[in-house]
């Protein structure tokens, strides 16, 4: 398996950590810094059966609010959409 530098992807950080009895893992400080993790952040572990023996870790955003500001055409269109949806709840 090529490391990131050999594959032209840039530097790769590899650190190991032990899995404790309750499946708890400490994220190594170098990895935490690279991901921008802080105490209280949430992380997502992704396992794909097509990649046995591997998992990926992602820092989750604090909030998904504002992640797609123009999904409904902009602020006013979004407000109109929400208002119409709420009116439908009362019917």
PDB file of N, CA and C in Angstrom:
ATOM      1  N   UNK A   1       0.840  -1.171   0.000  1.00  0.00           N
ATOM      2  CA  UNK A   1       0.000   0.000   0.000  1.00  0.00           C
ATOM      3  C   UNK A   1       0.890   1.240   0.000  1.00  0.00           C
ATOM      4  N   UNK A   2       0.584   2.201  -0.875  1.00  0.00           N
ATOM      5  CA  UNK A   2       1.354   3.435  -0.961  1.00  0.00           C
ATOM      6  C   UNK A   2       0.951   4.388   0.145  1.00  0.00           C
ATOM      7  N   UNK A   3       1.939   5.111   0.698  1.00  0.00           N
ATOM      8  CA  UNK A   3       1.545   6.165   1.619  1.00  0.00           C
ATOM      9  C   UNK A   3       1.185   7.398   0.787  1.00  0.00           C
ATOM     10  N   UNK A   4       0.654   8.421   1.427  1.00  0.00           N
ATOM     11  CA  UNK A   4       0.164   9.593   0.708  1.00  0.00           C
ATOM     12  C   UNK A   4       1.221  10.258  -0.140  1.00  0.00           C
ATOM     13  N   UNK A   5       2.444  10.369   0.378  1.00  0.00           N
ATOM     14  CA  UNK A   5       3.509  11.022  -0.367  1.00  0.00           C
ATOM     15  C   UNK A   5       3.841  10.238  -1.634  1.00  0.00           C
ATOM     16  N   UNK A   6       3.899   8.901  -1.522  1.00  0.00           N
ATOM     17  CA  UNK A   6       4.209   8.074  -2.690  1.00  0.00           C
ATOM     18  C   UNK A   6       3.100   8.141  -3.720  1.00  0.00           C
ATOM     19  N   UNK A   7       1.857   8.312  -3.278  1.00  0.00           N
ATOM     20  CA  UNK A   7       0.719   8.365  -4.194  1.00  0.00           C
ATOM     21  C   UNK A   7       0.469   9.779  -4.707  1.00  0.00           C
ATOM     22  N   UNK A   8       1.310  10.745  -4.300  1.00  0.00           N
ATOM     23  CA  UNK A   8       1.147  12.114  -4.748  1.00  0.00           C
ATOM     24  C   UNK A   8       0.055  12.864  -4.002  1.00  0.00           C
ATOM     25  N   UNK A   9      -0.316  12.397  -2.812  1.00  0.00           N
ATOM     26  CA  UNK A   9      -1.400  13.011  -2.055  1.00  0.00           C
ATOM     27  C   UNK A   9      -0.908  13.947  -0.959  1.00  0.00           C
ATOM     28  N   UNK A  10       0.391  14.059  -0.769  1.00  0.00           N
ATOM     29  CA  UNK A  10       0.910  14.906   0.290  1.00  0.00           C
ATOM     30  C   UNK A  10       1.250  14.093   1.517  1.00  0.00           C
ATOM     31  N   UNK A  11       1.651  14.792   2.585  1.00  0.00           N
ATOM     32  CA  UNK A  11       2.080  14.081   3.792  1.00  0.00           C
ATOM     33  C   UNK A  11       0.930  13.311   4.439  1.00  0.00           C
ATOM     34  N   UNK A  12       1.281  12.186   4.999  1.00  0.00           N
ATOM     35  CA  UNK A  12       0.316  11.328   5.679  1.00  0.00           C
ATOM     36  C   UNK A  12       0.750  11.189   7.137  1.00  0.00           C
ATOM     37  N   UNK A  13      -0.198  11.300   8.033  1.00  0.00           N
ATOM     38  CA  UNK A  13       0.088  11.099   9.455  1.00  0.00           C
ATOM     39  C   UNK A  13      -0.448   9.728   9.828  1.00  0.00           C
ATOM     40  N   UNK A  14       0.404   8.895  10.373  1.00  0.00           N
ATOM     41  CA  UNK A  14      -0.018   7.581  10.838  1.00  0.00           C
ATOM     42  C   UNK A  14       0.307   7.461  12.307  1.00  0.00           C
ATOM     43  N   UNK A  15      -0.697   7.243  13.119  1.00  0.00           N
ATOM     44  CA  UNK A  15      -0.527   7.047  14.554  1.00  0.00           C
ATOM     45  C   UNK A  15      -1.399   5.881  14.959  1.00  0.00           C
ATOM     46  N   UNK A  16      -1.043   5.210  16.023  1.00  0.00           N
ATOM     47  CA  UNK A  16      -1.874   4.108  16.497  1.00  0.00           C
ATOM     48  C   UNK A  16      -2.410   4.416  17.876  1.00  0.00           C
ATOM     49  N   UNK A  17      -3.489   3.735  18.209  1.00  0.00           N
ATOM     50  CA  UNK A  17      -4.133   3.905  19.499  1.00  0.00           C
ATOM     51  C   UNK A  17      -4.717   2.554  19.891  1.00  0.00           C
ATOM     52  N   UNK A  18      -4.846   2.317  21.180  1.00  0.00           N
ATOM     53  CA  UNK A  18      -5.399   1.057  21.666  1.00  0.00           C
ATOM     54  C   UNK A  18      -6.906   1.168  21.856  1.00  0.00           C
ATOM     55  N   UNK A  19      -7.603   0.080  21.598  1.00  0.00           N
ATOM     56  CA  UNK A  19      -9.031   0.002  21.877  1.00  0.00           C
ATOM     57  C   UNK A  19      -9.173  -0.565  23.279  1.00  0.00           C
ATOM     58  N   UNK A  20      -9.859   0.189  24.141  1.00  0.00           N
ATOM     59  CA  UNK A  20     -10.043  -0.251  25.524  1.00  0.00           C
ATOM     60  C   UNK A  20     -11.273  -1.153  25.629  1.00  0.00           C
ATOM     61  N   UNK A  21     -11.547  -1.644  26.815  1.00  0.00           N
ATOM     62  CA  UNK A  21     -12.572  -2.666  27.010  1.00  0.00           C
ATOM     63  C   UNK A  21     -13.968  -2.254  26.552  1.00  0.00           C
ATOM     64  N   UNK A  22     -14.303  -0.995  26.602  1.00  0.00           N
ATOM     65  CA  UNK A  22     -15.632  -0.540  26.167  1.00  0.00           C
ATOM     66  C   UNK A  22     -15.582   0.085  24.780  1.00  0.00           C
ATOM     67  N   UNK A  23     -14.642  -0.365  23.960  1.00  0.00           N
ATOM     68  CA  UNK A  23     -14.433   0.144  22.601  1.00  0.00           C
ATOM     69  C   UNK A  23     -14.083   1.620  22.569  1.00  0.00           C
ATOM     70  N   UNK A  24     -13.506   2.128  23.641  1.00  0.00           N
ATOM     71  CA  UNK A  24     -13.078   3.516  23.681  1.00  0.00           C
ATOM     72  C   UNK A  24     -11.693   3.631  23.056  1.00  0.00           C
ATOM     73  N   UNK A  25     -11.508   4.701  22.297  1.00  0.00           N
ATOM     74  CA  UNK A  25     -10.243   4.950  21.618  1.00  0.00           C
ATOM     75  C   UNK A  25      -9.840   6.399  21.874  1.00  0.00           C
ATOM     76  N   UNK A  26      -8.582   6.631  22.161  1.00  0.00           N
ATOM     77  CA  UNK A  26      -8.058   7.987  22.267  1.00  0.00           C
ATOM     78  C   UNK A  26      -7.542   8.393  20.896  1.00  0.00           C
ATOM     79  N   UNK A  27      -8.015   9.531  20.407  1.00  0.00           N
ATOM     80  CA  UNK A  27      -7.524  10.036  19.123  1.00  0.00           C
ATOM     81  C   UNK A  27      -6.143  10.636  19.379  1.00  0.00           C
ATOM     82  N   UNK A  28      -5.121  10.131  18.700  1.00  0.00           N
ATOM     83  CA  UNK A  28      -3.773  10.670  18.913  1.00  0.00           C
ATOM     84  C   UNK A  28      -3.734  12.174  18.650  1.00  0.00           C
ATOM     85  N   UNK A  29      -2.943  12.896  19.424  1.00  0.00           N
ATOM     86  CA  UNK A  29      -2.937  14.361  19.341  1.00  0.00           C
ATOM     87  C   UNK A  29      -2.595  14.866  17.940  1.00  0.00           C
ATOM     88  N   UNK A  30      -1.697  14.214  17.234  1.00  0.00           N
ATOM     89  CA  UNK A  30      -1.353  14.663  15.880  1.00  0.00           C
ATOM     90  C   UNK A  30      -2.560  14.558  14.941  1.00  0.00           C
ATOM     91  N   UNK A  31      -3.343  13.508  15.089  1.00  0.00           N
ATOM     92  CA  UNK A  31      -4.552  13.330  14.272  1.00  0.00           C
ATOM     93  C   UNK A  31      -5.606  14.353  14.685  1.00  0.00           C
ATOM     94  N   UNK A  32      -5.775  14.555  15.994  1.00  0.00           N
ATOM     95  CA  UNK A  32      -6.745  15.537  16.486  1.00  0.00           C
ATOM     96  C   UNK A  32      -6.420  16.930  15.963  1.00  0.00           C
ATOM     97  N   UNK A  33      -5.142  17.289  15.978  1.00  0.00           N
ATOM     98  CA  UNK A  33      -4.739  18.605  15.448  1.00  0.00           C
ATOM     99  C   UNK A  33      -5.013  18.695  13.954  1.00  0.00           C
ATOM    100  N   UNK A  34      -4.685  17.642  13.227  1.00  0.00           N
ATOM    101  CA  UNK A  34      -4.879  17.656  11.769  1.00  0.00           C
ATOM    102  C   UNK A  34      -6.356  17.795  11.399  1.00  0.00           C
ATOM    103  N   UNK A  35      -7.234  17.210  12.220  1.00  0.00           N
ATOM    104  CA  UNK A  35      -8.679  17.304  11.970  1.00  0.00           C
ATOM    105  C   UNK A  35      -9.293  18.556  12.586  1.00  0.00           C
ATOM    106  N   UNK A  36      -8.529  19.262  13.388  1.00  0.00           N
ATOM    107  CA  UNK A  36      -9.055  20.446  14.058  1.00  0.00           C
ATOM    108  C   UNK A  36     -10.008  20.108  15.186  1.00  0.00           C
ATOM    109  N   UNK A  37      -9.799  18.948  15.828  1.00  0.00           N
ATOM    110  CA  UNK A  37     -10.695  18.506  16.892  1.00  0.00           C
ATOM    111  C   UNK A  37     -10.454  19.263  18.185  1.00  0.00           C
ATOM    112  N   UNK A  38     -11.552  19.524  18.884  1.00  0.00           N
ATOM    113  CA  UNK A  38     -11.503  20.134  20.213  1.00  0.00           C
ATOM    114  C   UNK A  38     -12.372  19.289  21.130  1.00  0.00           C
ATOM    115  N   UNK A  39     -12.171  19.440  22.433  1.00  0.00           N
ATOM    116  CA  UNK A  39     -12.983  18.709  23.402  1.00  0.00           C
ATOM    117  C   UNK A  39     -14.458  18.998  23.136  1.00  0.00           C
ATOM    118  N   UNK A  40     -15.268  17.965  23.122  1.00  0.00           N
ATOM    119  CA  UNK A  40     -16.702  18.118  22.888  1.00  0.00           C
ATOM    120  C   UNK A  40     -17.108  17.948  21.432  1.00  0.00           C
ATOM    121  N   UNK A  41     -16.150  17.960  20.496  1.00  0.00           N
ATOM    122  CA  UNK A  41     -16.487  17.748  19.081  1.00  0.00           C
ATOM    123  C   UNK A  41     -17.013  16.342  18.877  1.00  0.00           C
ATOM    124  N   UNK A  42     -17.794  16.178  17.841  1.00  0.00           N
ATOM    125  CA  UNK A  42     -18.305  14.855  17.481  1.00  0.00           C
ATOM    126  C   UNK A  42     -17.536  14.375  16.255  1.00  0.00           C
ATOM    127  N   UNK A  43     -17.282  13.066  16.231  1.00  0.00           N
ATOM    128  CA  UNK A  43     -16.598  12.478  15.085  1.00  0.00           C
ATOM    129  C   UNK A  43     -17.452  11.339  14.534  1.00  0.00           C
ATOM    130  N   UNK A  44     -17.237  11.056  13.284  1.00  0.00           N
ATOM    131  CA  UNK A  44     -17.967  10.000  12.597  1.00  0.00           C
ATOM    132  C   UNK A  44     -16.964   8.965  12.120  1.00  0.00           C
ATOM    133  N   UNK A  45     -17.225   7.702  12.446  1.00  0.00           N
ATOM    134  CA  UNK A  45     -16.418   6.598  11.943  1.00  0.00           C
ATOM    135  C   UNK A  45     -17.193   5.958  10.800  1.00  0.00           C
ATOM    136  N   UNK A  46     -16.530   5.725   9.677  1.00  0.00           N
ATOM    137  CA  UNK A  46     -17.177   5.121   8.517  1.00  0.00           C
ATOM    138  C   UNK A  46     -16.433   3.835   8.160  1.00  0.00           C
ATOM    139  N   UNK A  47     -17.189   2.748   8.083  1.00  0.00           N
ATOM    140  CA  UNK A  47     -16.640   1.460   7.670  1.00  0.00           C
ATOM    141  C   UNK A  47     -17.378   1.010   6.429  1.00  0.00           C
ATOM    142  N   UNK A  48     -16.636   0.629   5.419  1.00  0.00           N
ATOM    143  CA  UNK A  48     -17.200   0.148   4.163  1.00  0.00           C
ATOM    144  C   UNK A  48     -16.745  -1.303   3.988  1.00  0.00           C
ATOM    145  N   UNK A  49     -17.707  -2.223   3.861  1.00  0.00           N
ATOM    146  CA  UNK A  49     -17.366  -3.647   3.738  1.00  0.00           C
ATOM    147  C   UNK A  49     -16.468  -3.934   2.536  1.00  0.00           C
ATOM    148  N   UNK A  50     -16.453  -3.025   1.565  1.00  0.00           N
ATOM    149  CA  UNK A  50     -15.587  -3.216   0.396  1.00  0.00           C
ATOM    150  C   UNK A  50     -14.135  -2.915   0.718  1.00  0.00           C
ATOM    151  N   UNK A  51     -13.882  -2.314   1.907  1.00  0.00           N
ATOM    152  CA  UNK A  51     -12.519  -2.012   2.348  1.00  0.00           C
ATOM    153  C   UNK A  51     -12.276  -2.675   3.703  1.00  0.00           C
ATOM    154  N   UNK A  52     -12.239  -4.011   3.749  1.00  0.00           N
ATOM    155  CA  UNK A  52     -12.091  -4.699   5.029  1.00  0.00           C
ATOM    156  C   UNK A  52     -10.806  -4.282   5.743  1.00  0.00           C
ATOM    157  N   UNK A  53     -10.925  -4.127   7.048  1.00  0.00           N
ATOM    158  CA  UNK A  53      -9.765  -3.756   7.843  1.00  0.00           C
ATOM    159  C   UNK A  53      -9.483  -2.264   7.877  1.00  0.00           C
ATOM    160  N   UNK A  54     -10.321  -1.460   7.218  1.00  0.00           N
ATOM    161  CA  UNK A  54     -10.123  -0.013   7.202  1.00  0.00           C
ATOM    162  C   UNK A  54     -11.373   0.698   7.678  1.00  0.00           C
ATOM    163  N   UNK A  55     -11.173   1.839   8.289  1.00  0.00           N
ATOM    164  CA  UNK A  55     -12.273   2.728   8.661  1.00  0.00           C
ATOM    165  C   UNK A  55     -11.762   4.152   8.488  1.00  0.00           C
ATOM    166  N   UNK A  56     -12.668   5.067   8.287  1.00  0.00           N
ATOM    167  CA  UNK A  56     -12.303   6.471   8.114  1.00  0.00           C
ATOM    168  C   UNK A  56     -12.939   7.268   9.245  1.00  0.00           C
ATOM    169  N   UNK A  57     -12.281   8.332   9.652  1.00  0.00           N
ATOM    170  CA  UNK A  57     -12.791   9.173  10.725  1.00  0.00           C
ATOM    171  C   UNK A  57     -12.957  10.592  10.177  1.00  0.00           C
ATOM    172  N   UNK A  58     -14.083  11.209  10.522  1.00  0.00           N
ATOM    173  CA  UNK A  58     -14.394  12.559  10.056  1.00  0.00           C
ATOM    174  C   UNK A  58     -14.856  13.408  11.230  1.00  0.00           C
ATOM    175  N   UNK A  59     -14.445  14.663  11.245  1.00  0.00           N
ATOM    176  CA  UNK A  59     -14.966  15.608  12.235  1.00  0.00           C
ATOM    177  C   UNK A  59     -16.298  16.100  11.706  1.00  0.00           C
ATOM    178  N   UNK A  60     -17.332  16.020  12.541  1.00  0.00           N
ATOM    179  CA  UNK A  60     -18.648  16.500  12.138  1.00  0.00           C
ATOM    180  C   UNK A  60     -18.761  17.988  12.420  1.00  0.00           C
ATOM    181  N   UNK A  61     -19.444  18.711  11.546  1.00  0.00           N
ATOM    182  CA  UNK A  61     -19.639  20.143  11.812  1.00  0.00           C
ATOM    183  C   UNK A  61     -20.474  20.332  13.072  1.00  0.00           C
ATOM    184  N   UNK A  62     -20.282  21.469  13.741  1.00  0.00           N
ATOM    185  CA  UNK A  62     -21.046  21.751  14.952  1.00  0.00           C
ATOM    186  C   UNK A  62     -22.533  21.796  14.643  1.00  0.00           C
ATOM    187  N   UNK A  63     -22.871  22.281  13.480  1.00  0.00           N
ATOM    188  CA  UNK A  63     -24.271  22.400  13.095  1.00  0.00           C
ATOM    189  C   UNK A  63     -24.346  22.290  11.584  1.00  0.00           C
ATOM    190  N   UNK A  64     -25.417  21.737  11.114  1.00  0.00           N
ATOM    191  CA  UNK A  64     -25.627  21.683   9.680  1.00  0.00           C
ATOM    192  C   UNK A  64     -26.405  22.904   9.202  1.00  0.00           C
ATOM    193  N   UNK A  65     -26.756  23.803  10.123  1.00  0.00           N
ATOM    194  CA  UNK A  65     -27.477  25.022   9.759  1.00  0.00           C
ATOM    195  C   UNK A  65     -26.620  25.835   8.799  1.00  0.00           C
ATOM    196  N   UNK A  66     -27.215  26.265   7.723  1.00  0.00           N
ATOM    197  CA  UNK A  66     -26.512  27.095   6.761  1.00  0.00           C
ATOM    198  C   UNK A  66     -25.640  26.334   5.792  1.00  0.00           C
ATOM    199  N   UNK A  67     -25.683  25.007   5.842  1.00  0.00           N
ATOM    200  CA  UNK A  67     -24.793  24.219   4.992  1.00  0.00           C
ATOM    201  C   UNK A  67     -25.181  24.326   3.508  1.00  0.00           C
ATOM    202  N   UNK A  68     -26.453  24.612   3.227  1.00  0.00           N
ATOM    203  CA  UNK A  68     -26.921  24.755   1.847  1.00  0.00           C
ATOM    204  C   UNK A  68     -27.819  25.986   1.760  1.00  0.00           C
ATOM    205  N   UNK A  69     -27.220  27.183   1.833  1.00  0.00           N
ATOM    206  CA  UNK A  69     -28.019  28.397   1.945  1.00  0.00           C
ATOM    207  C   UNK A  69     -28.961  28.658   0.777  1.00  0.00           C
ATOM    208  N   UNK A  70     -28.677  28.138  -0.380  1.00  0.00           N
ATOM    209  CA  UNK A  70     -29.534  28.425  -1.539  1.00  0.00           C
ATOM    210  C   UNK A  70     -30.295  27.187  -2.018  1.00  0.00           C
ATOM    211  N   UNK A  71     -30.463  26.222  -1.131  1.00  0.00           N
ATOM    212  CA  UNK A  71     -31.132  24.983  -1.513  1.00  0.00           C
ATOM    213  C   UNK A  71     -32.558  25.221  -2.001  1.00  0.00           C
ATOM    214  N   UNK A  72     -33.226  26.225  -1.450  1.00  0.00           N
ATOM    215  CA  UNK A  72     -34.593  26.527  -1.862  1.00  0.00           C
ATOM    216  C   UNK A  72     -34.669  27.872  -2.563  1.00  0.00           C
ATOM    217  N   UNK A  73     -33.568  28.343  -3.113  1.00  0.00           N
ATOM    218  CA  UNK A  73     -33.584  29.561  -3.896  1.00  0.00           C
ATOM    219  C   UNK A  73     -33.179  30.812  -3.149  1.00  0.00           C
ATOM    220  N   UNK A  74     -32.782  30.735  -1.913  1.00  0.00           N
ATOM    221  CA  UNK A  74     -32.351  31.911  -1.161  1.00  0.00           C
ATOM    222  C   UNK A  74     -33.192  32.114   0.072  1.00  0.00           C
ATOM    223  N   UNK A  75     -32.824  33.097   0.895  1.00  0.00           N
ATOM    224  CA  UNK A  75     -33.489  33.296   2.188  1.00  0.00           C
ATOM    225  C   UNK A  75     -34.994  33.529   2.088  1.00  0.00           C
ATOM    226  N   UNK A  76     -35.449  34.402   1.196  1.00  0.00           N
ATOM    227  CA  UNK A  76     -36.885  34.683   1.123  1.00  0.00           C
ATOM    228  C   UNK A  76     -37.648  33.463   0.604  1.00  0.00           C
ATOM    229  N   UNK A  77     -37.115  32.812  -0.401  1.00  0.00           N
ATOM    230  CA  UNK A  77     -37.766  31.617  -0.929  1.00  0.00           C
ATOM    231  C   UNK A  77     -37.822  30.534   0.139  1.00  0.00           C
ATOM    232  N   UNK A  78     -36.754  30.399   0.921  1.00  0.00           N
ATOM    233  CA  UNK A  78     -36.735  29.418   2.003  1.00  0.00           C
ATOM    234  C   UNK A  78     -37.811  29.741   3.034  1.00  0.00           C
ATOM    235  N   UNK A  79     -37.932  31.008   3.402  1.00  0.00           N
ATOM    236  CA  UNK A  79     -38.951  31.418   4.370  1.00  0.00           C
ATOM    237  C   UNK A  79     -40.344  31.126   3.834  1.00  0.00           C
ATOM    238  N   UNK A  80     -40.569  31.396   2.546  1.00  0.00           N
ATOM    239  CA  UNK A  80     -41.863  31.105   1.926  1.00  0.00           C
ATOM    240  C   UNK A  80     -42.150  29.604   1.957  1.00  0.00           C
ATOM    241  N   UNK A  81     -41.148  28.807   1.650  1.00  0.00           N
ATOM    242  CA  UNK A  81     -41.299  27.357   1.657  1.00  0.00           C
ATOM    243  C   UNK A  81     -41.688  26.864   3.051  1.00  0.00           C
ATOM    244  N   UNK A  82     -40.984  27.339   4.071  1.00  0.00           N
ATOM    245  CA  UNK A  82     -41.271  26.916   5.445  1.00  0.00           C
ATOM    246  C   UNK A  82     -42.679  27.344   5.849  1.00  0.00           C
ATOM    247  N   UNK A  83     -43.059  28.565   5.501  1.00  0.00           N
ATOM    248  CA  UNK A  83     -44.400  29.058   5.842  1.00  0.00           C
ATOM    249  C   UNK A  83     -45.474  28.172   5.204  1.00  0.00           C
ATOM    250  N   UNK A  84     -45.313  27.831   3.933  1.00  0.00           N
ATOM    251  CA  UNK A  84     -46.294  26.978   3.243  1.00  0.00           C
ATOM    252  C   UNK A  84     -46.341  25.590   3.864  1.00  0.00           C
ATOM    253  N   UNK A  85     -45.187  25.051   4.239  1.00  0.00           N
ATOM    254  CA  UNK A  85     -45.157  23.740   4.890  1.00  0.00           C
ATOM    255  C   UNK A  85     -45.923  23.780   6.218  1.00  0.00           C
ATOM    256  N   UNK A  86     -45.687  24.817   6.999  1.00  0.00           N
ATOM    257  CA  UNK A  86     -46.350  24.934   8.293  1.00  0.00           C
ATOM    258  C   UNK A  86     -47.857  25.115   8.125  1.00  0.00           C
ATOM    259  N   UNK A  87     -48.278  25.843   7.105  1.00  0.00           N
ATOM    260  CA  UNK A  87     -49.703  26.004   6.843  1.00  0.00           C
ATOM    261  C   UNK A  87     -50.342  24.640   6.555  1.00  0.00           C
ATOM    262  N   UNK A  88     -49.596  23.777   5.884  1.00  0.00           N
ATOM    263  CA  UNK A  88     -50.087  22.439   5.573  1.00  0.00           C
ATOM    264  C   UNK A  88     -50.268  21.578   6.808  1.00  0.00           C
ATOM    265  N   UNK A  89     -49.525  21.849   7.863  1.00  0.00           N
ATOM    266  CA  UNK A  89     -49.657  21.073   9.103  1.00  0.00           C
ATOM    267  C   UNK A  89     -51.005  21.307   9.746  1.00  0.00           C
ATOM    268  N   UNK A  90     -51.570  22.494   9.544  1.00  0.00           N
ATOM    269  CA  UNK A  90     -52.819  22.859  10.197  1.00  0.00           C
ATOM    270  C   UNK A  90     -54.032  22.322   9.453  1.00  0.00           C
ATOM    271  N   UNK A  91     -53.859  21.836   8.254  1.00  0.00           N
ATOM    272  CA  UNK A  91     -54.996  21.352   7.466  1.00  0.00           C
ATOM    273  C   UNK A  91     -55.399  19.948   7.858  1.00  0.00           C
TER     274      UNK A  91
END
